[in-house]
Every structure is written in structure tokens, then in C-alpha cells.
């Protein structure tokens, strides 16, 4: 799925919480902890599609568990 990003939005990788997507310390998608618990709230760095819930758009619940995650970076 591809979402429209806002200025300065992107991915940040932190050793203590895992990959995050958004801007600065306002994360749209955050994966943390040893059990890969996650939190979703679209709108900080990526546009939330109209007529959907910003907290449950991907999985139907927030927080939610991630069993596998792949992150790709495009170098321009």
C-alpha cells in the first residue's frame, strides 16, 4: 500500500523501538518492544485516506501485534 507523504515524512530506525514512520517524534506507525507490538495513527507524516479510521486503517485495531516486517528504502 502506498500513502501520500507530507513534507519531511519518512522512516526512522531506532535501536530501542524499531522502525517508525512519520515525522520527528510524531509517528504514524511505530513498532516497538520484543513482542513487536505496534501503534498506528495516520495523519502526522502520511495522509490518511478519506472516510477511514486513522487508528485502525491497516489492521482493524491499535495497538496490534506484528509477526513479520520488511522495510525497504528507495535511494534516489
Protein backbone atom coordinates (compact mmCIF):
# COMPACT_ATOMS: atom_id res chain seq x y z
CA UNK A 1 0.00 0.00 0.00
CA UNK A 2 1.33 3.44 -0.85
CA UNK A 3 0.32 6.52 1.16
CA UNK A 4 0.97 10.14 0.26
CA UNK A 5 3.70 11.58 2.48
CA UNK A 6 3.76 15.07 3.92
CA UNK A 7 6.94 17.23 3.84
CA UNK A 8 9.81 15.76 5.89
CA UNK A 9 7.97 12.48 6.49
CA UNK A 10 9.74 9.18 6.20
CA UNK A 11 11.19 6.23 8.07
CA UNK A 12 13.37 6.44 11.12
CA UNK A 13 15.10 3.44 12.68
CA UNK A 14 15.82 3.37 16.38
CA UNK A 15 17.69 0.62 18.21
CA UNK A 16 15.32 0.70 21.19
CA UNK A 17 11.93 0.86 19.42
CA UNK A 18 12.38 -0.39 15.87
CA UNK A 19 11.23 1.21 12.61
CA UNK A 20 8.98 4.24 12.81
CA UNK A 21 7.17 6.08 10.05
CA UNK A 22 6.15 9.73 10.34
CA UNK A 23 7.87 12.99 11.27
CA UNK A 24 10.27 13.76 14.14
CA UNK A 25 8.67 12.28 17.28
CA UNK A 26 5.11 12.13 15.87
CA UNK A 27 4.79 8.66 14.41
CA UNK A 28 2.10 7.38 12.09
CA UNK A 29 3.32 3.80 12.51
CA UNK A 30 5.50 2.68 15.40
CA UNK A 31 6.86 -0.83 16.05
CA UNK A 32 8.42 -1.41 19.46
CA UNK A 33 9.33 -3.98 22.08
CA UNK A 34 10.47 -7.56 21.99
CA UNK A 35 6.98 -8.77 21.09
CA UNK A 36 6.74 -6.31 18.18
CA UNK A 37 3.67 -4.54 19.49
CA UNK A 38 2.66 -1.68 17.25
CA UNK A 39 0.68 1.51 17.26
CA UNK A 40 -0.95 3.22 14.28
CA UNK A 41 -2.21 6.77 13.93
CA UNK A 42 -2.10 8.16 10.38
CA UNK A 43 -2.01 11.89 9.74
CA UNK A 44 1.27 13.14 11.21
CA UNK A 45 3.58 12.33 8.31
CA UNK A 46 1.34 10.49 5.89
CA UNK A 47 -2.10 11.47 4.63
CA UNK A 48 -4.92 9.36 5.96
CA UNK A 49 -7.36 8.34 3.21
CA UNK A 50 -10.79 9.93 3.49
CA UNK A 51 -13.56 8.12 5.36
CA UNK A 52 -11.28 5.70 7.23
CA UNK A 53 -10.25 5.48 10.89
CA UNK A 54 -6.68 6.76 11.30
CA UNK A 55 -6.05 4.29 14.16
CA UNK A 56 -7.41 1.11 12.65
CA UNK A 57 -6.94 1.52 8.88
CA UNK A 58 -4.38 -1.27 8.38
CA UNK A 59 -5.30 -3.89 10.94
CA UNK A 60 -8.66 -3.06 12.50
CA UNK A 61 -7.08 -2.37 15.92
CA UNK A 62 -4.40 -0.27 17.58
CA UNK A 63 -2.24 -1.41 19.26
CA UNK A 64 -1.69 -4.58 17.25
CA UNK A 65 0.95 -7.30 17.01
CA UNK A 66 3.38 -7.66 14.12
CA UNK A 67 4.64 -11.14 13.32
CA UNK A 68 6.86 -10.16 10.39
CA UNK A 69 8.02 -6.83 8.99
CA UNK A 70 10.06 -5.92 5.94
CA UNK A 71 11.22 -2.34 5.39
CA UNK A 72 12.55 -1.11 2.07
CA UNK A 73 14.30 2.16 1.32
CA UNK A 74 14.45 3.69 -2.14
CA UNK A 75 17.68 5.58 -2.80
CA UNK A 76 17.24 8.32 -5.36
